[in-house]
Amino acid sequence: MNDYEKIDAWIDAHFDEEVQFLQELIRVPTDTPPGNNAPHAERTAELLKSFGFEAEKHPVPATEVRAYGMESITNLIVRRHYGEGRTIALNAHGDVVPPGEGWIHDPYGGEIVDGKIYGRAAAVSKCDFASFTFAVRALESLNARLNGSVELHFTYDEEFGGEMGPGWLLRNKLTRPDLMIAAGFSYEVVTAHNGCLQMEVTVNGKMAHAAVPDTGVDALQGAVQILKALYAQNALYKQVTSRVEGIKHPYLNVGRIEGGTNTNVVPGKVTFKLDRRMIPEENPAQVEAGIRKVIADAAAACPGITVDIRRMLLANSMKPLAGNKPLVDAIQKHGEALFGVKIPAMGTPLYTDVRLYAEAGVPGVIYGAGPRTVLESHAKRADERLELEDLRRATKVIARSLKDLLA
């Protein structure tokens, strides 16, 4: 057997253990918000210790976490040093959006049905806690001479933008890898992604009794006019196309609205939250200025209406760094061998916390266990699921790629 065959055989022999590890991770909720994620880090560290992996626990100070809008964050680093050479980081995030409604399977059950595992974060991205951990274990089972180190970075605030996860680790100089691979899907290696601007818009009017509406200023009617102006931008955005394969055009979505006090009261305040996806070619400052102008112009046409705007998140797009070629080459080579299809290098309309590594000068790509599309995985929807064979093969791709990169 050559080394690749030995890696594959080890993963096959330990695959039931890998699946059980993933089930344990799914069963500890990490809904964000509210973002009480330190307990999951504790459980993960406990499970890793049973494999002989010592996880460094890096709790983010409570005052910073609360100011950020979450309850608790403990980031984990596992360092495996084999010899002199480059350090490759493998990053996955454990925080998830709340499950929402419509589930047939328990979102925290880790149930296995017809070769799929179900649960929140089964596909994004607790699965890559498993694939990355077991890839490293498989690599080490070779007892081969390796040049360099591997670090596992398990972080807990990707849904809030990553500033208290990878951003916090990098700012505090707790890590400085040479290359990195972040959690992703199995049928493509992602080298670029969209940016994201999220804003909270508060439309202020004046409350009044519904029997005498003329004594108030209806904030909801003002919000409707502003929303119409914002949604009209999407028609314009379709005329702005990206040159990056896999990314089409910008898009604006309003994901949450709340306001008013009662049915018989003219609403004095309405708040909504918007999400603006930015293609890599766009300038974030210009995008934000443009949206603020659209809102201001629409509000000005509504007498008595004022608006407060708060930026919630500005995540820059990820652009490819030249040094990522060894990662791309290794993943494409082994991905095609194991999945039987070509693994394209492309962009994605998602945004991730991988951009923070790129901004720190660390070349990286996105690759891991998952289906061909976000839609197929049910990520951020009911009954999120992962094909177990995708988990098995992706684990082998990562382990083989690490072998090449550290040879």
Protein backbone atom coordinates (compact mmCIF):
# COMPACT_ATOMS: atom_id res chain seq x y z
CA MET A 1 0.00 0.00 0.00
CA ASN A 2 1.22 3.51 -0.76
CA ASP A 3 0.71 6.35 1.73
CA TYR A 4 -2.54 7.52 0.12
CA GLU A 5 -4.00 4.03 0.35
CA LYS A 6 -2.91 3.78 3.98
CA ILE A 7 -4.62 7.10 4.75
CA ASP A 8 -7.81 5.95 3.04
CA ALA A 9 -7.77 2.62 4.88
CA TRP A 10 -7.31 4.31 8.27
CA ILE A 11 -10.23 6.68 7.63
CA ASP A 12 -12.45 3.79 6.53
CA ALA A 13 -11.52 1.82 9.65
CA HIS A 14 -12.31 4.79 11.93
CA PHE A 15 -15.28 6.24 10.04
CA ASP A 16 -17.91 5.11 12.55
CA GLU A 17 -15.90 6.90 15.23
CA GLU A 18 -15.79 10.04 13.07
CA VAL A 19 -19.56 9.99 12.63
CA GLN A 20 -20.08 9.54 16.37
CA PHE A 21 -17.76 12.51 16.99
CA LEU A 22 -19.90 14.64 14.66
CA GLN A 23 -23.09 13.48 16.36
CA GLU A 24 -21.72 14.58 19.74
CA LEU A 25 -20.92 18.02 18.31
CA ILE A 26 -24.39 18.44 16.80
CA ARG A 27 -26.02 17.55 20.13
CA VAL A 28 -24.59 20.60 21.91
CA PRO A 29 -26.58 23.64 20.65
CA THR A 30 -24.69 26.73 19.48
CA ASP A 31 -27.54 28.94 18.28
CA THR A 32 -26.19 32.38 17.43
CA PRO A 33 -27.97 34.49 18.54
CA PRO A 34 -27.92 34.25 21.50
CA GLY A 35 -24.39 32.91 21.09
CA ASN A 36 -23.67 31.04 24.32
CA ASN A 37 -20.97 28.94 22.66
CA ALA A 38 -18.35 28.33 25.34
CA PRO A 39 -20.06 25.07 26.44
CA HIS A 40 -19.60 23.62 22.97
CA ALA A 41 -15.91 24.50 23.02
CA GLU A 42 -15.57 22.71 26.36
CA ARG A 43 -17.25 19.61 24.98
CA THR A 44 -15.13 19.72 21.82
CA ALA A 45 -11.92 20.00 23.86
CA GLU A 46 -13.02 17.04 25.97
CA LEU A 47 -13.65 14.91 22.87
CA LEU A 48 -10.36 15.96 21.28
CA LYS A 49 -8.49 14.99 24.44
CA SER A 50 -9.79 11.43 24.07
CA PHE A 51 -7.83 11.31 20.77
CA GLY A 52 -4.67 12.62 22.42
CA PHE A 53 -5.17 16.16 21.06
CA GLU A 54 -4.67 18.95 23.61
CA ALA A 55 -6.85 21.94 22.74
CA GLU A 56 -5.71 25.37 23.90
CA LYS A 57 -8.75 27.26 25.19
CA HIS A 58 -8.81 30.95 24.36
CA PRO A 59 -11.85 32.59 25.99
CA VAL A 60 -12.73 36.01 24.63
CA PRO A 61 -13.23 38.47 27.55
CA ALA A 62 -16.87 38.67 28.61
CA THR A 63 -17.06 42.45 28.16
CA GLU A 64 -15.94 42.15 24.53
CA VAL A 65 -18.38 39.31 23.86
CA ARG A 66 -21.35 41.17 25.34
CA ALA A 67 -20.50 44.35 23.44
CA TYR A 68 -20.39 42.21 20.31
CA GLY A 69 -23.93 40.96 20.97
CA MET A 70 -23.14 37.39 22.06
CA GLU A 71 -23.02 35.59 25.42
CA SER A 72 -19.81 33.52 25.49
CA ILE A 73 -17.00 32.53 23.12
CA THR A 74 -14.07 30.21 23.72
CA ASN A 75 -11.93 29.62 20.65
CA LEU A 76 -9.81 26.49 20.38
CA ILE A 77 -6.39 25.87 18.84
CA VAL A 78 -4.83 22.42 18.54
CA ARG A 79 -1.17 22.54 17.46
CA ARG A 80 0.48 19.47 15.94
CA HIS A 81 4.18 20.01 15.23
CA TYR A 82 6.06 17.51 13.06
CA GLY A 83 9.23 19.31 12.05
CA GLU A 84 10.60 22.47 10.50
CA GLY A 85 8.43 23.87 7.72
CA ARG A 86 5.25 25.74 7.05
CA THR A 87 2.19 25.77 9.29
CA ILE A 88 -1.17 24.88 7.78
CA ALA A 89 -4.29 25.93 9.67
CA LEU A 90 -7.63 24.15 9.32
CA ASN A 91 -10.51 26.36 10.45
CA ALA A 92 -14.16 25.48 11.06
CA HIS A 93 -16.82 27.40 12.97
CA GLY A 94 -19.16 25.87 15.51
CA ASP A 95 -21.76 28.64 15.78
CA VAL A 96 -24.99 28.30 13.81
CA VAL A 97 -28.20 30.17 13.09
CA PRO A 98 -31.14 29.01 15.25
CA PRO A 99 -32.98 26.04 13.72
CA GLY A 100 -36.27 27.78 13.00
CA GLU A 101 -39.44 25.90 12.09
CA GLY A 102 -40.32 23.02 9.80
CA TRP A 103 -37.92 20.32 10.98
CA ILE A 104 -38.88 16.66 10.60
CA HIS A 105 -35.67 15.51 12.28
CA ASP A 106 -34.41 16.73 15.66
CA PRO A 107 -32.09 19.69 14.90
CA TYR A 108 -29.85 18.58 17.76
CA GLY A 109 -30.23 14.83 17.30
CA GLY A 110 -27.56 13.92 14.79
CA GLU A 111 -29.97 11.33 13.37
CA ILE A 112 -28.77 9.12 10.53
CA VAL A 113 -31.33 8.20 7.86
CA ASP A 114 -30.59 6.71 4.41
CA GLY A 115 -26.91 7.52 4.56
CA LYS A 116 -27.39 11.14 5.65
CA ILE A 117 -26.79 12.77 9.03
CA TYR A 118 -29.32 15.42 10.04
CA GLY A 119 -28.97 18.37 12.39
CA ARG A 120 -28.12 22.03 12.62
CA ALA A 121 -24.45 22.42 11.55
CA ALA A 122 -24.32 18.91 10.05
CA ALA A 123 -23.23 20.55 6.79
CA VAL A 124 -22.05 23.99 7.97
CA SER A 125 -19.69 23.48 9.64
CA LYS A 126 -19.42 21.08 12.58
CA CYS A 127 -18.91 18.43 9.90
CA ASP A 128 -15.49 19.95 9.31
CA PHE A 129 -14.59 19.76 12.97
CA ALA A 130 -14.85 16.05 12.19
CA SER A 131 -13.24 15.98 8.73
CA PHE A 132 -10.28 18.13 9.79
CA THR A 133 -9.72 16.29 13.08
CA PHE A 134 -9.84 12.84 11.51
CA ALA A 135 -7.73 13.94 8.52
CA VAL A 136 -4.97 14.95 10.96
CA ARG A 137 -5.33 11.68 12.85
CA ALA A 138 -5.10 9.73 9.59
CA LEU A 139 -2.01 11.71 8.56
CA GLU A 140 -0.33 10.94 11.87
CA SER A 141 -1.17 7.25 11.59
CA LEU A 142 1.43 7.01 8.80
CA ASN A 143 4.25 7.76 11.25
CA ALA A 144 5.93 9.37 8.25
CA ARG A 145 8.48 12.15 8.27
CA LEU A 146 6.67 15.46 7.80
CA ASN A 147 8.02 18.98 7.47
CA GLY A 148 5.95 21.59 9.25
CA SER A 149 2.89 21.79 11.48
CA VAL A 150 -0.88 21.62 11.39
CA GLU A 151 -3.18 23.72 13.55
CA LEU A 152 -6.88 23.12 14.11
CA HIS A 153 -8.75 26.39 14.65
CA PHE A 154 -12.27 25.86 15.98
CA THR A 155 -14.01 29.21 16.38
CA TYR A 156 -17.49 30.39 17.33
CA ASP A 157 -18.69 33.63 15.74
CA GLU A 158 -18.80 33.21 11.96
CA GLU A 159 -22.51 34.08 11.96
CA PHE A 160 -21.58 37.46 13.48
CA GLY A 161 -18.68 38.02 11.07
CA GLY A 162 -15.69 36.27 12.63
CA GLU A 163 -14.12 39.24 14.40
CA MET A 164 -14.16 37.43 17.76
CA GLY A 165 -13.13 34.12 16.19
CA PRO A 166 -10.30 34.08 13.64
CA GLY A 167 -10.06 37.87 13.83
CA TRP A 168 -9.49 37.77 17.58
CA LEU A 169 -6.91 34.95 17.35
CA LEU A 170 -4.98 36.80 14.63
CA ARG A 171 -5.16 40.23 16.34
CA ASN A 172 -3.85 38.75 19.56
CA LYS A 173 -1.01 36.99 17.71
CA LEU A 174 -2.10 33.59 18.97
CA THR A 175 -1.52 32.13 15.53
CA ARG A 176 0.25 32.99 12.30
CA PRO A 177 -0.14 30.14 9.80
CA ASP A 178 1.46 30.12 6.37
CA LEU A 179 -1.53 28.53 4.62
CA MET A 180 -5.07 27.73 5.65
CA ILE A 181 -8.07 25.66 4.63
CA ALA A 182 -11.50 26.62 5.94
CA ALA A 183 -14.71 24.63 6.15
CA GLY A 184 -16.54 24.27 2.87
CA PHE A 185 -18.17 21.90 0.42
CA SER A 186 -16.60 18.92 -1.32
CA TYR A 187 -17.23 19.51 -5.02
CA GLU A 188 -15.43 22.83 -5.45
CA VAL A 189 -12.46 24.61 -3.94
CA VAL A 190 -13.38 28.22 -3.23
CA THR A 191 -10.74 30.89 -3.73
CA ALA A 192 -12.92 34.04 -3.57
CA HIS A 193 -16.21 35.11 -2.05
CA ASN A 194 -18.60 38.01 -1.72
CA GLY A 195 -18.46 40.68 0.92
CA CYS A 196 -21.43 41.55 3.10
CA LEU A 197 -22.77 44.78 4.57
CA GLN A 198 -25.50 44.50 7.21
CA MET A 199 -27.32 47.55 8.54
CA GLU A 200 -30.09 48.25 11.02
CA VAL A 201 -32.45 51.00 9.90
CA THR A 202 -34.82 52.64 12.41
CA VAL A 203 -37.66 54.65 10.90
CA ASN A 204 -39.07 57.18 13.36
CA GLY A 205 -42.54 58.70 13.17
CA LYS A 206 -45.00 59.71 15.90
CA MET A 207 -47.40 57.39 17.73
CA ALA A 208 -51.09 58.25 17.73
CA HIS A 209 -54.46 56.67 18.42
CA ALA A 210 -55.77 54.89 15.33
CA ALA A 211 -59.06 56.80 15.71
CA VAL A 212 -57.23 60.08 15.06
CA PRO A 213 -54.38 59.03 12.74
CA ASP A 214 -53.77 62.57 11.51
CA THR A 215 -52.31 63.43 14.92
CA GLY A 216 -49.42 61.04 14.33
CA VAL A 217 -46.81 60.19 11.71
CA ASP A 218 -46.98 56.60 10.51
CA ALA A 219 -43.49 55.12 10.70
CA LEU A 220 -44.64 51.97 8.90
CA GLN A 221 -45.78 53.90 5.85
CA GLY A 222 -42.41 55.62 5.84
CA ALA A 223 -40.65 52.27 6.12
CA VAL A 224 -42.68 50.93 3.19
CA GLN A 225 -41.47 53.76 0.97
CA ILE A 226 -37.86 53.22 2.03
CA LEU A 227 -38.14 49.47 1.47
CA LYS A 228 -39.60 50.01 -2.02
CA ALA A 229 -36.62 52.22 -2.85
CA LEU A 230 -34.16 49.66 -1.51
CA TYR A 231 -35.70 46.71 -3.31
CA ALA A 232 -35.71 48.71 -6.55
CA GLN A 233 -31.91 48.64 -6.35
CA ASN A 234 -31.90 44.90 -7.06
CA ALA A 235 -32.95 45.53 -10.64
CA LEU A 236 -29.92 47.82 -11.01
CA TYR A 237 -27.60 45.35 -9.29
CA LYS A 238 -28.37 42.70 -11.92
CA GLN A 239 -26.58 44.93 -14.42
CA VAL A 240 -23.37 44.70 -12.34
CA THR A 241 -21.74 41.34 -13.01
CA SER A 242 -18.65 39.83 -11.43
CA ARG A 243 -15.73 38.41 -13.39
CA VAL A 244 -15.28 35.69 -10.73
CA GLU A 245 -16.73 32.32 -11.74
CA GLY A 246 -19.46 31.29 -9.29
CA ILE A 247 -20.40 34.88 -8.38
CA LYS A 248 -23.08 36.69 -10.35
CA HIS A 249 -24.15 40.13 -9.14
CA PRO A 250 -24.81 42.14 -5.94
CA TYR A 251 -28.06 41.62 -4.06
CA LEU A 252 -29.96 43.28 -1.23
CA ASN A 253 -32.24 41.44 1.20
CA VAL A 254 -34.26 42.64 4.20
CA GLY A 255 -34.35 39.75 6.64
CA ARG A 256 -36.07 41.16 9.73
CA ILE A 257 -38.71 43.82 10.46
CA GLU A 258 -40.32 44.81 13.75
CA GLY A 259 -42.27 47.78 15.02
CA GLY A 260 -45.47 49.25 16.33
CA THR A 261 -47.03 48.81 19.76
CA ASN A 262 -50.60 47.62 19.14
CA THR A 263 -53.19 47.14 16.40
CA ASN A 264 -55.05 50.32 17.33
CA VAL A 265 -51.98 52.54 17.46
CA VAL A 266 -50.32 54.38 14.59
CA PRO A 267 -46.76 52.98 14.72
CA GLY A 268 -44.19 55.48 15.88
CA LYS A 269 -41.15 53.35 15.15
CA VAL A 270 -40.26 50.54 12.75
CA THR A 271 -36.87 48.84 12.57
CA PHE A 272 -35.58 46.59 9.82
CA LYS A 273 -32.29 44.87 9.12
CA LEU A 274 -30.81 44.60 5.65
CA ASP A 275 -28.10 42.45 4.12
CA ARG A 276 -26.23 43.71 1.05
CA ARG A 277 -23.96 41.19 -0.70
CA MET A 278 -20.97 42.81 -2.43
CA ILE A 279 -19.11 41.21 -5.32
CA PRO A 280 -15.29 41.25 -5.08
CA GLU A 281 -15.03 44.10 -7.59
CA GLU A 282 -17.10 46.52 -5.46
CA ASN A 283 -15.78 49.14 -3.05
CA PRO A 284 -17.46 48.65 0.37
CA ALA A 285 -17.30 52.33 1.31
CA GLN A 286 -19.05 53.32 -1.92
CA VAL A 287 -21.66 50.60 -1.45
CA GLU A 288 -22.49 51.80 2.05
CA ALA A 289 -22.63 55.45 0.98
CA GLY A 290 -24.97 54.51 -1.87
CA ILE A 291 -27.40 52.65 0.39
CA ARG A 292 -27.42 55.46 2.93
CA LYS A 293 -28.32 57.91 0.13
CA VAL A 294 -31.18 55.71 -1.13
CA ILE A 295 -32.60 55.56 2.41
CA ALA A 296 -32.15 59.29 3.04
CA ASP A 297 -33.77 60.27 -0.27
CA ALA A 298 -36.77 58.01 0.33
CA ALA A 299 -37.20 59.28 3.91
CA ALA A 300 -37.03 62.90 2.74
CA ALA A 301 -40.11 62.29 0.59
CA CYS A 302 -42.12 61.28 3.71
CA PRO A 303 -43.03 64.35 5.85
CA GLY A 304 -42.29 63.92 9.55
CA ILE A 305 -40.18 60.79 9.09
CA THR A 306 -36.61 60.60 10.39
CA VAL A 307 -34.19 57.71 10.08
CA ASP A 308 -31.33 56.32 12.17
CA ILE A 309 -28.90 53.92 10.49
CA ARG A 310 -26.47 51.63 12.28
CA ARG A 311 -23.91 49.48 10.56
CA MET A 312 -24.01 46.00 12.08
CA LEU A 313 -21.41 44.22 9.96
CA LEU A 314 -18.96 45.00 7.21
CA ALA A 315 -17.30 41.84 5.92
CA ASN A 316 -14.94 42.46 3.04
CA SER A 317 -14.93 40.13 0.07
CA MET A 318 -12.20 37.51 -0.18
CA LYS A 319 -9.88 37.81 -3.13
CA PRO A 320 -7.42 35.05 -4.10
CA LEU A 321 -3.85 35.41 -2.82
CA ALA A 322 -1.11 34.15 -5.10
CA GLY A 323 0.27 31.75 -2.49
CA ASN A 324 -2.85 29.58 -2.46
CA LYS A 325 -1.78 27.53 -5.52
CA PRO A 326 -0.30 24.59 -3.54
CA LEU A 327 -3.61 24.24 -1.69
CA VAL A 328 -5.68 24.42 -4.86
CA ASP A 329 -3.46 21.95 -6.71
CA ALA A 330 -3.47 19.36 -3.91
CA ILE A 331 -7.22 19.53 -3.29
CA GLN A 332 -8.08 19.37 -6.99
CA LYS A 333 -5.79 16.39 -7.54
CA HIS A 334 -7.14 14.32 -4.66
CA GLY A 335 -10.69 15.57 -4.99
CA GLU A 336 -10.91 14.34 -8.56
CA ALA A 337 -9.32 11.00 -7.62
CA LEU A 338 -11.77 10.37 -4.77
CA PHE A 339 -14.98 11.97 -6.03
CA GLY A 340 -14.54 11.03 -9.67
CA VAL A 341 -15.31 14.55 -10.92
CA LYS A 342 -13.21 17.63 -11.56
CA ILE A 343 -13.07 20.00 -8.58
CA PRO A 344 -13.23 23.54 -10.00
CA ALA A 345 -11.54 26.51 -8.35
CA MET A 346 -14.15 29.25 -8.16
CA GLY A 347 -15.89 31.91 -6.13
CA THR A 348 -19.02 31.72 -3.98
CA PRO A 349 -21.74 34.31 -3.26
CA LEU A 350 -21.48 33.48 0.46
CA TYR A 351 -19.29 35.48 2.82
CA THR A 352 -17.11 33.79 5.43
CA ASP A 353 -14.62 34.56 8.17
CA VAL A 354 -11.84 33.17 5.91
CA ARG A 355 -11.44 36.71 4.59
CA LEU A 356 -9.81 37.62 7.91
CA TYR A 357 -6.94 35.22 7.24
CA ALA A 358 -6.57 36.66 3.73
CA GLU A 359 -6.56 40.20 5.12
CA ALA A 360 -3.74 39.11 7.45
CA GLY A 361 -1.78 37.90 4.41
CA VAL A 362 -2.45 34.18 4.89
CA PRO A 363 -3.32 32.47 1.56
CA GLY A 364 -6.33 30.24 2.02
CA VAL A 365 -9.09 28.29 0.34
CA ILE A 366 -12.47 26.93 1.36
CA TYR A 367 -12.91 23.17 1.13
CA GLY A 368 -14.46 20.50 3.32
CA ALA A 369 -17.32 18.05 3.73
CA GLY A 370 -20.53 18.94 1.95
CA PRO A 371 -22.74 18.67 -1.11
CA ARG A 372 -22.58 20.41 -4.47
CA THR A 373 -24.74 23.35 -3.43
CA VAL A 374 -25.95 25.23 -0.37
CA LEU A 375 -29.52 24.39 -1.42
CA GLU A 376 -28.76 20.66 -1.39
CA SER A 377 -27.39 20.86 2.17
CA HIS A 378 -30.44 22.73 3.55
CA ALA A 379 -27.94 25.02 5.31
CA LYS A 380 -29.82 27.68 7.30
CA ARG A 381 -33.08 25.83 6.56
CA ALA A 382 -35.02 23.00 8.19
CA ASP A 383 -33.52 19.49 8.09
CA GLU A 384 -29.94 20.47 7.33
CA ARG A 385 -28.15 17.30 6.27
CA LEU A 386 -24.89 15.82 5.03
CA GLU A 387 -24.21 12.74 2.93
CA LEU A 388 -21.93 10.56 5.03
CA GLU A 389 -20.00 9.49 1.93
CA ASP A 390 -19.17 13.15 1.28
CA LEU A 391 -17.80 13.35 4.82
CA ARG A 392 -15.73 10.20 4.30
CA ARG A 393 -14.27 11.28 0.96
CA ALA A 394 -13.62 14.88 2.01
CA THR A 395 -11.72 13.64 5.06
CA LYS A 396 -9.51 11.61 2.73
CA VAL A 397 -8.97 14.60 0.40
CA ILE A 398 -7.84 16.79 3.31
CA ALA A 399 -5.56 14.10 4.77
CA ARG A 400 -3.95 13.35 1.41
CA SER A 401 -3.51 17.07 0.69
CA LEU A 402 -1.81 17.62 4.05
CA LYS A 403 0.54 14.75 3.24
CA ASP A 404 1.54 16.46 -0.01
CA LEU A 405 1.88 19.91 1.54
CA LEU A 406 4.04 18.70 4.43
CA ALA A 407 6.14 16.19 2.49
